């Protein structure tokens, strides 16, 4: 029987806020929606390339997660219609685990109800690795000779580096109403629920994840000031393992409403934007963190920083998380090349 490494992920990372999510938690989620939803590709009407780096749970937490995400997307006119194309590169290192993924994106777009409607698909490959050479656990029967190393008879924990890969896909819809300055999107990631065989005895399962993102622009009396509230809801079709505040693990029946609620999370954000160039804001992530956000636009470069102050039990071993993104954007002037006028969403 194959040994499932999903429980080891939780034990090695050791965070009650993880809730068995596979995708990286981002504080500047509004700045890289295409990471969550392929239907966003080409939405702004510009060529965009965004580099995001996140250091999770810094300050005394060994082997804390470090994530790098690179996204690029652009619109393209073909046969009188604007389409969206994009790409995503993802790398994450958490404890003994590392994940690398490459995706391509396509978004079909249509004018609808005086707004822009998109349906997007994403496909690519994902590779998972486990470095067992870094793992040292004492044997309960002291078969290791008392040196604290892993027992050679422990088949559940491989002593070497193992890896595997699988195909992966996502689907999403996105709608933006320019006049009312709002947007909303819904997506399903890891649609195929890929199973990665690391070797003959160890398998890693990736659960299906659901994301809902929405935002709105509020123009204040001062024409230089705008409020931009956004929200991100996410939940996971978790299997048999999740963390609770009072215990390490609890077994529940897979893919029930109770299991999905246990693995749900909500981020509520609000940013004050000055002259459409500089912003500052706060995010509240229920049960996990309060986030400070700062950033600005400098010609073709957009830069943003977020600091997560933990409010969960992780505060005992971490001073917080840091996240930085840089985006390059350039206008493609598609309006001059066809009749289809694709409007950008200023909230982004």
C-alpha atoms as a PDB file:
ATOM      1  CA  UNK A   1       0.000   0.000   0.000  1.00  0.00           C
ATOM      2  CA  UNK A   2       1.304   3.445  -0.872  1.00  0.00           C
ATOM      3  CA  UNK A   3       2.190   5.796   1.953  1.00  0.00           C
ATOM      4  CA  UNK A   4       0.508   9.168   1.586  1.00  0.00           C
ATOM      5  CA  UNK A   5       2.792  12.101   2.381  1.00  0.00           C
ATOM      6  CA  UNK A   6       0.014  14.624   2.879  1.00  0.00           C
ATOM      7  CA  UNK A   7       0.165  14.260   6.660  1.00  0.00           C
ATOM      8  CA  UNK A   8       3.951  14.713   6.619  1.00  0.00           C
ATOM      9  CA  UNK A   9       3.517  18.084   4.902  1.00  0.00           C
ATOM     10  CA  UNK A  10       1.543  19.378   7.857  1.00  0.00           C
ATOM     11  CA  UNK A  11       3.844  17.879  10.490  1.00  0.00           C
ATOM     12  CA  UNK A  12       7.031  19.194   8.901  1.00  0.00           C
ATOM     13  CA  UNK A  13       5.753  22.691   8.234  1.00  0.00           C
ATOM     14  CA  UNK A  14       3.976  22.813  11.583  1.00  0.00           C
ATOM     15  CA  UNK A  15       1.486  25.670  11.206  1.00  0.00           C
ATOM     16  CA  UNK A  16      -2.093  25.800  12.451  1.00  0.00           C
ATOM     17  CA  UNK A  17      -2.895  28.400   9.789  1.00  0.00           C
ATOM     18  CA  UNK A  18      -1.982  26.230   6.810  1.00  0.00           C
ATOM     19  CA  UNK A  19      -5.299  24.356   6.840  1.00  0.00           C
ATOM     20  CA  UNK A  20      -3.939  21.927   4.259  1.00  0.00           C
ATOM     21  CA  UNK A  21      -3.848  24.434   1.418  1.00  0.00           C
ATOM     22  CA  UNK A  22      -1.571  23.549  -1.439  1.00  0.00           C
ATOM     23  CA  UNK A  23      -1.471  26.924  -3.201  1.00  0.00           C
ATOM     24  CA  UNK A  24       0.633  29.673  -1.700  1.00  0.00           C
ATOM     25  CA  UNK A  25      -1.131  32.229   0.442  1.00  0.00           C
ATOM     26  CA  UNK A  26      -0.623  35.734  -0.985  1.00  0.00           C
ATOM     27  CA  UNK A  27      -1.311  39.052   0.721  1.00  0.00           C
ATOM     28  CA  UNK A  28      -1.109  41.078  -2.510  1.00  0.00           C
ATOM     29  CA  UNK A  29      -3.608  38.733  -4.162  1.00  0.00           C
ATOM     30  CA  UNK A  30      -5.304  41.644  -5.938  1.00  0.00           C
ATOM     31  CA  UNK A  31      -2.027  42.346  -7.795  1.00  0.00           C
ATOM     32  CA  UNK A  32      -1.691  38.892  -9.326  1.00  0.00           C
ATOM     33  CA  UNK A  33      -5.201  37.632  -9.976  1.00  0.00           C
ATOM     34  CA  UNK A  34      -4.015  35.564 -12.929  1.00  0.00           C
ATOM     35  CA  UNK A  35      -2.202  33.300 -10.448  1.00  0.00           C
ATOM     36  CA  UNK A  36      -5.620  32.288  -9.092  1.00  0.00           C
ATOM     37  CA  UNK A  37      -7.799  32.731 -12.164  1.00  0.00           C
ATOM     38  CA  UNK A  38      -6.755  32.125 -15.805  1.00  0.00           C
ATOM     39  CA  UNK A  39      -9.759  34.129 -17.043  1.00  0.00           C
ATOM     40  CA  UNK A  40      -7.954  37.309 -15.969  1.00  0.00           C
ATOM     41  CA  UNK A  41      -5.361  36.902 -18.751  1.00  0.00           C
ATOM     42  CA  UNK A  42      -5.398  39.977 -20.964  1.00  0.00           C
ATOM     43  CA  UNK A  43      -7.922  41.775 -18.764  1.00  0.00           C
ATOM     44  CA  UNK A  44      -6.019  45.032 -18.269  1.00  0.00           C
ATOM     45  CA  UNK A  45      -5.481  45.574 -22.002  1.00  0.00           C
ATOM     46  CA  UNK A  46      -1.734  45.837 -21.398  1.00  0.00           C
ATOM     47  CA  UNK A  47       1.254  43.557 -21.521  1.00  0.00           C
ATOM     48  CA  UNK A  48       1.980  42.756 -17.865  1.00  0.00           C
ATOM     49  CA  UNK A  49       4.795  40.813 -16.234  1.00  0.00           C
ATOM     50  CA  UNK A  50       4.699  40.421 -12.439  1.00  0.00           C
ATOM     51  CA  UNK A  51       7.353  38.959 -10.151  1.00  0.00           C
ATOM     52  CA  UNK A  52       6.249  38.150  -6.613  1.00  0.00           C
ATOM     53  CA  UNK A  53       8.378  36.847  -3.743  1.00  0.00           C
ATOM     54  CA  UNK A  54       7.074  35.764  -0.345  1.00  0.00           C
ATOM     55  CA  UNK A  55       8.937  34.749   2.809  1.00  0.00           C
ATOM     56  CA  UNK A  56       6.525  33.071   5.207  1.00  0.00           C
ATOM     57  CA  UNK A  57       6.850  32.951   9.000  1.00  0.00           C
ATOM     58  CA  UNK A  58      10.273  34.561   9.320  1.00  0.00           C
ATOM     59  CA  UNK A  59      12.095  34.893  12.614  1.00  0.00           C
ATOM     60  CA  UNK A  60      13.072  31.603  14.167  1.00  0.00           C
ATOM     61  CA  UNK A  61      10.972  29.190  12.102  1.00  0.00           C
ATOM     62  CA  UNK A  62      13.341  26.625  10.517  1.00  0.00           C
ATOM     63  CA  UNK A  63      12.862  25.826   6.822  1.00  0.00           C
ATOM     64  CA  UNK A  64      10.009  28.333   6.550  1.00  0.00           C
ATOM     65  CA  UNK A  65       8.219  28.505   3.179  1.00  0.00           C
ATOM     66  CA  UNK A  66       9.739  30.685   0.462  1.00  0.00           C
ATOM     67  CA  UNK A  67       7.806  31.275  -2.718  1.00  0.00           C
ATOM     68  CA  UNK A  68       8.545  32.883  -6.079  1.00  0.00           C
ATOM     69  CA  UNK A  69       5.814  33.487  -8.651  1.00  0.00           C
ATOM     70  CA  UNK A  70       6.238  34.946 -12.127  1.00  0.00           C
ATOM     71  CA  UNK A  71       3.157  35.751 -14.191  1.00  0.00           C
ATOM     72  CA  UNK A  72       2.808  37.344 -17.604  1.00  0.00           C
ATOM     73  CA  UNK A  73      -0.313  38.054 -19.626  1.00  0.00           C
ATOM     74  CA  UNK A  74      -1.464  40.112 -22.584  1.00  0.00           C
ATOM     75  CA  UNK A  75      -4.444  40.570 -24.882  1.00  0.00           C
ATOM     76  CA  UNK A  76      -4.277  39.643 -28.548  1.00  0.00           C
ATOM     77  CA  UNK A  77      -6.677  40.459 -31.348  1.00  0.00           C
ATOM     78  CA  UNK A  78      -7.663  37.732 -33.752  1.00  0.00           C
ATOM     79  CA  UNK A  79     -10.592  37.693 -36.211  1.00  0.00           C
ATOM     80  CA  UNK A  80     -11.989  40.902 -34.765  1.00  0.00           C
ATOM     81  CA  UNK A  81     -12.073  39.675 -31.171  1.00  0.00           C
ATOM     82  CA  UNK A  82      -9.727  40.187 -28.254  1.00  0.00           C
ATOM     83  CA  UNK A  83      -8.334  37.052 -26.607  1.00  0.00           C
ATOM     84  CA  UNK A  84      -6.134  36.767 -23.544  1.00  0.00           C
ATOM     85  CA  UNK A  85      -2.926  34.768 -23.223  1.00  0.00           C
ATOM     86  CA  UNK A  86      -0.805  34.240 -20.143  1.00  0.00           C
ATOM     87  CA  UNK A  87       1.845  32.172 -18.429  1.00  0.00           C
ATOM     88  CA  UNK A  88       2.618  31.333 -14.802  1.00  0.00           C
ATOM     89  CA  UNK A  89       5.824  30.021 -13.238  1.00  0.00           C
ATOM     90  CA  UNK A  90       5.669  28.925  -9.608  1.00  0.00           C
ATOM     91  CA  UNK A  91       8.330  27.710  -7.179  1.00  0.00           C
ATOM     92  CA  UNK A  92       7.807  26.999  -3.505  1.00  0.00           C
ATOM     93  CA  UNK A  93      10.113  25.499  -0.873  1.00  0.00           C
ATOM     94  CA  UNK A  94       8.599  24.442   2.448  1.00  0.00           C
ATOM     95  CA  UNK A  95      10.654  22.351   4.817  1.00  0.00           C
ATOM     96  CA  UNK A  96      11.639  19.164   3.005  1.00  0.00           C
ATOM     97  CA  UNK A  97       9.197  19.785   0.172  1.00  0.00           C
ATOM     98  CA  UNK A  98       9.619  21.809  -3.003  1.00  0.00           C
ATOM     99  CA  UNK A  99       7.126  22.447  -5.793  1.00  0.00           C
ATOM    100  CA  UNK A 100       7.753  23.786  -9.290  1.00  0.00           C
ATOM    101  CA  UNK A 101       4.980  24.404 -11.815  1.00  0.00           C
ATOM    102  CA  UNK A 102       4.671  25.879 -15.308  1.00  0.00           C
ATOM    103  CA  UNK A 103       1.330  26.845 -16.831  1.00  0.00           C
ATOM    104  CA  UNK A 104      -0.046  28.373 -20.004  1.00  0.00           C
ATOM    105  CA  UNK A 105      -3.325  30.328 -20.017  1.00  0.00           C
ATOM    106  CA  UNK A 106      -5.996  31.253 -22.553  1.00  0.00           C
ATOM    107  CA  UNK A 107      -9.022  33.512 -21.970  1.00  0.00           C
ATOM    108  CA  UNK A 108     -11.999  33.872 -24.319  1.00  0.00           C
ATOM    109  CA  UNK A 109     -13.537  37.347 -24.001  1.00  0.00           C
ATOM    110  CA  UNK A 110     -16.897  38.851 -24.852  1.00  0.00           C
ATOM    111  CA  UNK A 111     -18.730  42.123 -24.245  1.00  0.00           C
ATOM    112  CA  UNK A 112     -21.687  41.400 -21.980  1.00  0.00           C
ATOM    113  CA  UNK A 113     -24.120  43.699 -20.123  1.00  0.00           C
ATOM    114  CA  UNK A 114     -21.880  46.705 -20.786  1.00  0.00           C
ATOM    115  CA  UNK A 115     -18.929  44.926 -19.238  1.00  0.00           C
ATOM    116  CA  UNK A 116     -16.158  42.468 -20.098  1.00  0.00           C
ATOM    117  CA  UNK A 117     -16.773  38.748 -19.555  1.00  0.00           C
ATOM    118  CA  UNK A 118     -14.012  36.125 -19.787  1.00  0.00           C
ATOM    119  CA  UNK A 119     -13.753  32.355 -19.577  1.00  0.00           C
ATOM    120  CA  UNK A 120     -10.237  31.078 -19.017  1.00  0.00           C
ATOM    121  CA  UNK A 121      -8.454  27.754 -18.975  1.00  0.00           C
ATOM    122  CA  UNK A 122      -4.999  26.855 -17.735  1.00  0.00           C
ATOM    123  CA  UNK A 123      -2.832  23.819 -18.302  1.00  0.00           C
ATOM    124  CA  UNK A 124       0.688  22.738 -17.522  1.00  0.00           C
ATOM    125  CA  UNK A 125       2.912  20.522 -15.436  1.00  0.00           C
ATOM    126  CA  UNK A 126       3.684  20.403 -11.735  1.00  0.00           C
ATOM    127  CA  UNK A 127       6.655  18.743 -10.036  1.00  0.00           C
ATOM    128  CA  UNK A 128       6.835  17.811  -6.362  1.00  0.00           C
ATOM    129  CA  UNK A 129      10.047  16.812  -4.537  1.00  0.00           C
ATOM    130  CA  UNK A 130      10.778  15.573  -1.032  1.00  0.00           C
ATOM    131  CA  UNK A 131      14.309  15.723   0.387  1.00  0.00           C
ATOM    132  CA  UNK A 132      14.455  12.948   2.959  1.00  0.00           C
ATOM    133  CA  UNK A 133      18.157  13.571   3.618  1.00  0.00           C
ATOM    134  CA  UNK A 134      17.173  16.591   5.728  1.00  0.00           C
ATOM    135  CA  UNK A 135      14.779  14.634   7.910  1.00  0.00           C
ATOM    136  CA  UNK A 136      15.973  13.269  11.262  1.00  0.00           C
ATOM    137  CA  UNK A 137      13.457  11.714  13.619  1.00  0.00           C
ATOM    138  CA  UNK A 138      14.186   9.494  16.643  1.00  0.00           C
ATOM    139  CA  UNK A 139      12.943   5.941  16.456  1.00  0.00           C
ATOM    140  CA  UNK A 140      10.324   5.198  19.109  1.00  0.00           C
ATOM    141  CA  UNK A 141      11.982   1.803  19.692  1.00  0.00           C
ATOM    142  CA  UNK A 142      15.451   3.375  19.667  1.00  0.00           C
ATOM    143  CA  UNK A 143      16.359   1.327  16.595  1.00  0.00           C
ATOM    144  CA  UNK A 144      18.449   4.228  15.396  1.00  0.00           C
ATOM    145  CA  UNK A 145      21.008   3.656  18.116  1.00  0.00           C
ATOM    146  CA  UNK A 146      20.064   6.858  19.916  1.00  0.00           C
ATOM    147  CA  UNK A 147      21.728   9.202  17.412  1.00  0.00           C
ATOM    148  CA  UNK A 148      18.428  10.882  16.547  1.00  0.00           C
ATOM    149  CA  UNK A 149      18.485   9.796  12.906  1.00  0.00           C
ATOM    150  CA  UNK A 150      15.661   8.194  11.027  1.00  0.00           C
ATOM    151  CA  UNK A 151      15.279   4.436  11.350  1.00  0.00           C
ATOM    152  CA  UNK A 152      16.125   2.550   8.186  1.00  0.00           C
ATOM    153  CA  UNK A 153      12.977   0.450   8.700  1.00  0.00           C
ATOM    154  CA  UNK A 154      10.626   3.419   8.587  1.00  0.00           C
ATOM    155  CA  UNK A 155       9.101   2.992   5.127  1.00  0.00           C
ATOM    156  CA  UNK A 156       6.759   5.982   5.570  1.00  0.00           C
ATOM    157  CA  UNK A 157       9.651   8.470   5.565  1.00  0.00           C
ATOM    158  CA  UNK A 158      12.031   8.081   2.624  1.00  0.00           C
ATOM    159  CA  UNK A 159      15.699   8.710   3.542  1.00  0.00           C
ATOM    160  CA  UNK A 160      16.625  10.055   0.076  1.00  0.00           C
ATOM    161  CA  UNK A 161      15.403  12.697  -2.356  1.00  0.00           C
ATOM    162  CA  UNK A 162      12.368  11.588  -4.337  1.00  0.00           C
ATOM    163  CA  UNK A 163      10.296  13.485  -6.883  1.00  0.00           C
ATOM    164  CA  UNK A 164       7.520  13.125  -9.409  1.00  0.00           C
ATOM    165  CA  UNK A 165       5.380  15.188 -11.732  1.00  0.00           C
ATOM    166  CA  UNK A 166       1.888  15.353 -13.164  1.00  0.00           C
ATOM    167  CA  UNK A 167      -0.251  17.438 -15.489  1.00  0.00           C
ATOM    168  CA  UNK A 168      -2.456  20.058 -13.892  1.00  0.00           C
ATOM    169  CA  UNK A 169      -5.252  22.370 -15.009  1.00  0.00           C
ATOM    170  CA  UNK A 170      -7.578  25.157 -13.889  1.00  0.00           C
ATOM    171  CA  UNK A 171     -10.680  26.943 -15.141  1.00  0.00           C
ATOM    172  CA  UNK A 172     -12.203  30.288 -14.286  1.00  0.00           C
ATOM    173  CA  UNK A 173     -14.632  33.063 -15.180  1.00  0.00           C
ATOM    174  CA  UNK A 174     -14.099  36.797 -14.734  1.00  0.00           C
ATOM    175  CA  UNK A 175     -16.370  39.811 -15.192  1.00  0.00           C
ATOM    176  CA  UNK A 176     -15.471  43.511 -15.002  1.00  0.00           C
ATOM    177  CA  UNK A 177     -17.939  46.383 -15.200  1.00  0.00           C
ATOM    178  CA  UNK A 178     -15.952  49.473 -16.078  1.00  0.00           C
ATOM    179  CA  UNK A 179     -18.671  52.101 -15.535  1.00  0.00           C
ATOM    180  CA  UNK A 180     -19.403  50.885 -12.001  1.00  0.00           C
ATOM    181  CA  UNK A 181     -15.710  50.103 -11.537  1.00  0.00           C
ATOM    182  CA  UNK A 182     -16.147  46.661 -10.050  1.00  0.00           C
ATOM    183  CA  UNK A 183     -14.991  43.151 -10.893  1.00  0.00           C
ATOM    184  CA  UNK A 184     -15.579  39.587  -9.740  1.00  0.00           C
ATOM    185  CA  UNK A 185     -14.047  36.225 -10.600  1.00  0.00           C
ATOM    186  CA  UNK A 186     -14.548  32.575  -9.734  1.00  0.00           C
ATOM    187  CA  UNK A 187     -12.046  29.814 -10.443  1.00  0.00           C
ATOM    188  CA  UNK A 188     -11.251  26.182  -9.727  1.00  0.00           C
ATOM    189  CA  UNK A 189      -7.564  25.273  -9.459  1.00  0.00           C
ATOM    190  CA  UNK A 190      -6.095  21.768  -9.721  1.00  0.00           C
ATOM    191  CA  UNK A 191      -9.236  20.765 -11.587  1.00  0.00           C
ATOM    192  CA  UNK A 192      -7.852  17.300 -12.360  1.00  0.00           C
ATOM    193  CA  UNK A 193      -6.874  16.687  -8.711  1.00  0.00           C
ATOM    194  CA  UNK A 194      -3.443  15.470  -9.821  1.00  0.00           C
ATOM    195  CA  UNK A 195      -1.717  12.639  -8.019  1.00  0.00           C
ATOM    196  CA  UNK A 196       2.077  12.756  -8.022  1.00  0.00           C
ATOM    197  CA  UNK A 197       3.933   9.474  -7.586  1.00  0.00           C
ATOM    198  CA  UNK A 198       7.202  10.377  -5.901  1.00  0.00           C
ATOM    199  CA  UNK A 199       8.332   6.748  -6.046  1.00  0.00           C
ATOM    200  CA  UNK A 200       6.795   3.284  -5.823  1.00  0.00           C
ATOM    201  CA  UNK A 201       5.821   3.752  -2.175  1.00  0.00           C
ATOM    202  CA  UNK A 202       5.027   7.434  -1.774  1.00  0.00           C
ATOM    203  CA  UNK A 203       2.273   9.499  -3.351  1.00  0.00           C
ATOM    204  CA  UNK A 204       1.320  13.153  -3.017  1.00  0.00           C
ATOM    205  CA  UNK A 205      -2.284  14.220  -3.644  1.00  0.00           C
ATOM    206  CA  UNK A 206      -3.205  17.788  -4.628  1.00  0.00           C
ATOM    207  CA  UNK A 207      -6.758  18.784  -3.666  1.00  0.00           C
ATOM    208  CA  UNK A 208      -9.074  20.839  -5.844  1.00  0.00           C
ATOM    209  CA  UNK A 209      -9.210  24.504  -4.718  1.00  0.00           C
ATOM    210  CA  UNK A 210     -11.897  27.152  -5.233  1.00  0.00           C
ATOM    211  CA  UNK A 211     -11.336  30.931  -5.343  1.00  0.00           C
ATOM    212  CA  UNK A 212     -13.682  33.897  -5.448  1.00  0.00           C
ATOM    213  CA  UNK A 213     -12.214  37.382  -5.799  1.00  0.00           C
ATOM    214  CA  UNK A 214     -14.072  40.696  -6.078  1.00  0.00           C
ATOM    215  CA  UNK A 215     -13.361  44.394  -5.765  1.00  0.00           C
ATOM    216  CA  UNK A 216     -14.805  47.857  -6.191  1.00  0.00           C
ATOM    217  CA  UNK A 217     -13.588  51.437  -6.680  1.00  0.00           C
ATOM    218  CA  UNK A 218     -15.038  54.149  -4.450  1.00  0.00           C
ATOM    219  CA  UNK A 219     -14.295  57.673  -5.602  1.00  0.00           C
ATOM    220  CA  UNK A 220     -14.106  60.064  -2.640  1.00  0.00           C
ATOM    221  CA  UNK A 221     -15.013  63.747  -2.672  1.00  0.00           C
ATOM    222  CA  UNK A 222     -11.346  64.536  -3.114  1.00  0.00           C
ATOM    223  CA  UNK A 223     -10.708  63.625  -6.774  1.00  0.00           C
ATOM    224  CA  UNK A 224      -7.184  62.453  -5.887  1.00  0.00           C
ATOM    225  CA  UNK A 225      -8.393  59.825  -3.400  1.00  0.00           C
ATOM    226  CA  UNK A 226     -10.011  56.439  -4.001  1.00  0.00           C
ATOM    227  CA  UNK A 227     -10.912  53.570  -1.705  1.00  0.00           C
ATOM    228  CA  UNK A 228     -10.446  50.144  -3.235  1.00  0.00           C
ATOM    229  CA  UNK A 229     -11.935  47.333  -1.143  1.00  0.00           C
ATOM    230  CA  UNK A 230     -11.308  43.752  -2.291  1.00  0.00           C
ATOM    231  CA  UNK A 231     -12.100  40.302  -0.955  1.00  0.00           C
ATOM    232  CA  UNK A 232     -10.690  36.832  -1.567  1.00  0.00           C
ATOM    233  CA  UNK A 233     -12.555  33.707  -0.506  1.00  0.00           C
ATOM    234  CA  UNK A 234     -10.834  30.355  -0.842  1.00  0.00           C
ATOM    235  CA  UNK A 235     -11.670  26.813   0.082  1.00  0.00           C
ATOM    236  CA  UNK A 236     -10.203  23.372  -0.546  1.00  0.00           C
ATOM    237  CA  UNK A 237     -11.694  19.959  -1.262  1.00  0.00           C
ATOM    238  CA  UNK A 238      -9.467  18.566   1.437  1.00  0.00           C
ATOM    239  CA  UNK A 239      -9.044  14.862   1.887  1.00  0.00           C
ATOM    240  CA  UNK A 240      -8.727  13.328   5.344  1.00  0.00           C
ATOM    241  CA  UNK A 241      -6.415  15.749   7.129  1.00  0.00           C
ATOM    242  CA  UNK A 242      -6.539  19.309   8.363  1.00  0.00           C
ATOM    243  CA  UNK A 243      -5.274  21.276  11.334  1.00  0.00           C
ATOM    244  CA  UNK A 244      -7.314  22.658  14.195  1.00  0.00           C
ATOM    245  CA  UNK A 245      -6.233  25.132  16.880  1.00  0.00           C
ATOM    246  CA  UNK A 246      -6.477  22.517  19.625  1.00  0.00           C
ATOM    247  CA  UNK A 247      -4.994  19.450  17.986  1.00  0.00           C
ATOM    248  CA  UNK A 248      -2.419  18.600  15.356  1.00  0.00           C
ATOM    249  CA  UNK A 249      -4.726  16.662  13.087  1.00  0.00           C
ATOM    250  CA  UNK A 250      -8.308  15.563  12.864  1.00  0.00           C
ATOM    251  CA  UNK A 251      -9.696  12.994  10.489  1.00  0.00           C
ATOM    252  CA  UNK A 252     -12.896  13.861   8.617  1.00  0.00           C
ATOM    253  CA  UNK A 253     -14.656  12.414   5.624  1.00  0.00           C
ATOM    254  CA  UNK A 254     -13.199  13.845   2.428  1.00  0.00           C
ATOM    255  CA  UNK A 255     -14.950  16.575   0.429  1.00  0.00           C
ATOM    256  CA  UNK A 256     -17.852  17.110   2.804  1.00  0.00           C
ATOM    257  CA  UNK A 257     -19.218  20.573   3.546  1.00  0.00           C
ATOM    258  CA  UNK A 258     -17.662  20.367   7.013  1.00  0.00           C
ATOM    259  CA  UNK A 259     -14.249  19.537   5.583  1.00  0.00           C
ATOM    260  CA  UNK A 260     -14.419  22.398   3.079  1.00  0.00           C
ATOM    261  CA  UNK A 261     -15.516  24.883   5.749  1.00  0.00           C
ATOM    262  CA  UNK A 262     -12.596  23.809   7.924  1.00  0.00           C
ATOM    263  CA  UNK A 263     -10.283  24.570   5.022  1.00  0.00           C
ATOM    264  CA  UNK A 264     -11.860  27.898   4.038  1.00  0.00           C
ATOM    265  CA  UNK A 265     -10.223  31.270   4.450  1.00  0.00           C
ATOM    266  CA  UNK A 266     -11.248  34.862   3.790  1.00  0.00           C
ATOM    267  CA  UNK A 267      -9.093  37.932   3.153  1.00  0.00           C
ATOM    268  CA  UNK A 268     -10.808  41.323   3.394  1.00  0.00           C
ATOM    269  CA  UNK A 269      -8.684  44.247   2.166  1.00  0.00           C
ATOM    270  CA  UNK A 270      -9.015  47.983   1.726  1.00  0.00           C
ATOM    271  CA  UNK A 271      -6.507  50.334   0.112  1.00  0.00           C
ATOM    272  CA  UNK A 272      -6.445  54.103  -0.049  1.00  0.00           C
ATOM    273  CA  UNK A 273      -5.031  55.208  -3.417  1.00  0.00           C
ATOM    274  CA  UNK A 274      -3.651  58.702  -3.989  1.00  0.00           C
ATOM    275  CA  UNK A 275      -3.612  60.132  -7.503  1.00  0.00           C
ATOM    276  CA  UNK A 276      -3.894  56.584  -8.888  1.00  0.00           C
ATOM    277  CA  UNK A 277      -0.187  56.165  -8.138  1.00  0.00           C
ATOM    278  CA  UNK A 278       0.447  55.485  -4.442  1.00  0.00           C
ATOM    279  CA  UNK A 279      -1.417  53.361  -1.971  1.00  0.00           C
ATOM    280  CA  UNK A 280      -1.508  52.102   1.576  1.00  0.00           C
ATOM    281  CA  UNK A 281      -3.939  49.673   3.115  1.00  0.00           C
ATOM    282  CA  UNK A 282      -4.815  46.860   5.474  1.00  0.00           C
ATOM    283  CA  UNK A 283      -5.992  43.274   5.114  1.00  0.00           C
ATOM    284  CA  UNK A 284      -7.642  41.105   7.729  1.00  0.00           C
ATOM    285  CA  UNK A 285      -7.205  37.385   7.206  1.00  0.00           C
ATOM    286  CA  UNK A 286      -9.641  35.675   9.530  1.00  0.00           C
ATOM    287  CA  UNK A 287      -7.916  33.795  12.329  1.00  0.00           C
ATOM    288  CA  UNK A 288      -4.478  34.213  10.785  1.00  0.00           C
ATOM    289  CA  UNK A 289      -3.030  37.688  10.269  1.00  0.00           C
ATOM    290  CA  UNK A 290      -3.414  41.435   9.920  1.00  0.00           C
ATOM    291  CA  UNK A 291      -1.550  42.724   6.841  1.00  0.00           C
ATOM    292  CA  UNK A 292      -0.041  46.140   6.133  1.00  0.00           C
ATOM    293  CA  UNK A 293       0.266  47.044   2.419  1.00  0.00           C
ATOM    294  CA  UNK A 294       2.242  49.843   0.766  1.00  0.00           C
ATOM    295  CA  UNK A 295       3.124  50.538  -2.851  1.00  0.00           C
ATOM    296  CA  UNK A 296       3.245  52.843  -5.816  1.00  0.00           C
ATOM    297  CA  UNK A 297       3.527  53.240  -9.567  1.00  0.00           C
ATOM    298  CA  UNK A 298       6.695  54.619 -11.115  1.00  0.00           C
ATOM    299  CA  UNK A 299       6.212  55.060 -14.887  1.00  0.00           C
ATOM    300  CA  UNK A 300       6.015  51.484 -16.230  1.00  0.00           C
ATOM    301  CA  UNK A 301       6.910  49.838 -12.916  1.00  0.00           C
ATOM    302  CA  UNK A 302       4.463  48.987 -10.133  1.00  0.00           C
ATOM    303  CA  UNK A 303       5.940  47.936  -6.785  1.00  0.00           C
ATOM    304  CA  UNK A 304       4.208  46.741  -3.641  1.00  0.00           C
ATOM    305  CA  UNK A 305       5.109  45.395  -0.225  1.00  0.00           C
ATOM    306  CA  UNK A 306       3.047  43.562   2.400  1.00  0.00           C
ATOM    307  CA  UNK A 307       3.869  42.600   5.961  1.00  0.00           C
ATOM    308  CA  UNK A 308       1.745  39.956   7.697  1.00  0.00           C
ATOM    309  CA  UNK A 309       1.490  40.325  11.466  1.00  0.00           C
ATOM    310  CA  UNK A 310       0.335  36.927  12.779  1.00  0.00           C
ATOM    311  CA  UNK A 311      -2.588  36.715  15.186  1.00  0.00           C
ATOM    312  CA  UNK A 312      -2.724  32.913  15.335  1.00  0.00           C
ATOM    313  CA  UNK A 313      -0.570  30.615  17.471  1.00  0.00           C
ATOM    314  CA  UNK A 314       2.206  30.872  14.902  1.00  0.00           C
ATOM    315  CA  UNK A 315       3.125  34.170  16.590  1.00  0.00           C
ATOM    316  CA  UNK A 316       4.987  32.120  19.215  1.00  0.00           C
ATOM    317  CA  UNK A 317       7.616  31.103  16.659  1.00  0.00           C
ATOM    318  CA  UNK A 318       7.398  33.777  13.960  1.00  0.00           C
ATOM    319  CA  UNK A 319       7.561  37.559  13.763  1.00  0.00           C
ATOM    320  CA  UNK A 320       5.512  37.611  10.563  1.00  0.00           C
ATOM    321  CA  UNK A 321       5.737  37.253   6.797  1.00  0.00           C
ATOM    322  CA  UNK A 322       7.159  39.516   4.084  1.00  0.00           C
ATOM    323  CA  UNK A 323       5.927  39.825   0.516  1.00  0.00           C
ATOM    324  CA  UNK A 324       7.181  41.965  -2.354  1.00  0.00           C
ATOM    325  CA  UNK A 325       6.025  42.279  -5.958  1.00  0.00           C
ATOM    326  CA  UNK A 326       7.290  44.142  -9.010  1.00  0.00           C
ATOM    327  CA  UNK A 327       5.263  44.545 -12.185  1.00  0.00           C
ATOM    328  CA  UNK A 328       6.242  45.855 -15.586  1.00  0.00           C
ATOM    329  CA  UNK A 329       3.387  47.032 -17.779  1.00  0.00           C
ATOM    330  CA  UNK A 330       3.175  48.565 -21.229  1.00  0.00           C
ATOM    331  CA  UNK A 331       0.228  49.661 -23.358  1.00  0.00           C
ATOM    332  CA  UNK A 332      -0.305  47.545 -26.480  1.00  0.00           C
ATOM    333  CA  UNK A 333      -2.666  50.079 -28.115  1.00  0.00           C
ATOM    334  CA  UNK A 334      -5.083  47.389 -29.222  1.00  0.00           C
ATOM    335  CA  UNK A 335      -7.814  49.961 -29.766  1.00  0.00           C
ATOM    336  CA  UNK A 336      -5.966  51.165 -32.841  1.00  0.00           C
ATOM    337  CA  UNK A 337      -5.835  47.678 -34.324  1.00  0.00           C
ATOM    338  CA  UNK A 338      -9.479  46.705 -34.294  1.00  0.00           C
ATOM    339  CA  UNK A 339     -13.038  47.610 -33.419  1.00  0.00           C
ATOM    340  CA  UNK A 340     -13.119  45.680 -30.168  1.00  0.00           C
ATOM    341  CA  UNK A 341     -12.386  48.128 -27.354  1.00  0.00           C
ATOM    342  CA  UNK A 342     -11.076  46.338 -24.326  1.00  0.00           C
ATOM    343  CA  UNK A 343     -11.222  48.476 -21.211  1.00  0.00           C
ATOM    344  CA  UNK A 344      -8.884  48.034 -18.312  1.00  0.00           C
ATOM    345  CA  UNK A 345     -10.049  47.667 -14.741  1.00  0.00           C
ATOM    346  CA  UNK A 346      -8.592  50.601 -12.836  1.00  0.00           C
ATOM    347  CA  UNK A 347      -9.001  48.824  -9.544  1.00  0.00           C
ATOM    348  CA  UNK A 348      -5.961  46.747 -10.438  1.00  0.00           C
END
